[in-house]
Amino acid sequence: AGGGALGVMAPATVSHVADPAVAEALSNMLLSISQSAHACLSAAPIADRAETARGIFELAQRFALFAPALLLASPALHPLMQIAVAALGTMERDAVRAAVALLSIIVAPGEKAAASTTWQQGRAAVE
């Protein structure tokens, strides 16, 4: 709770991360974790690694909520979306829920968020 209380300029968009060094570290962390999760989830059926899938989707959803500029600018965004779409075909309830939540917030972030500069500028990354 309270991600909206932080605010600073990130390159080209507004982020909810106040310190540029922290924003860079978070961006690097998201990319690294996403790459590892993508490799893990590509090596075996998502159903066999449902907790990993759920965890990465929930992490990405937190970025969408509290640091959308970092997620929208990340090269991890499209692989995360691809994995989330693939997870929809599994019978793993928690992974599917997390995937739906992530895809929902990315595709339709809400009226107020969608009107923000961050989402307006980042919209091209989603389409």
Foldseek 3Di string as FASTA:
>chain_A
DPLCVAWDDDVPFIFSDNDNVVLVVVLVVLQVLLVVLLVVCVVDPCVVVVVSLLVNLQVLLVCLVRTVLSLLPHPSNVSNLVVLVSQCPDPPVSNVVSSCSSVCCLVDVDDVVCPGRSNVVSVVSSD
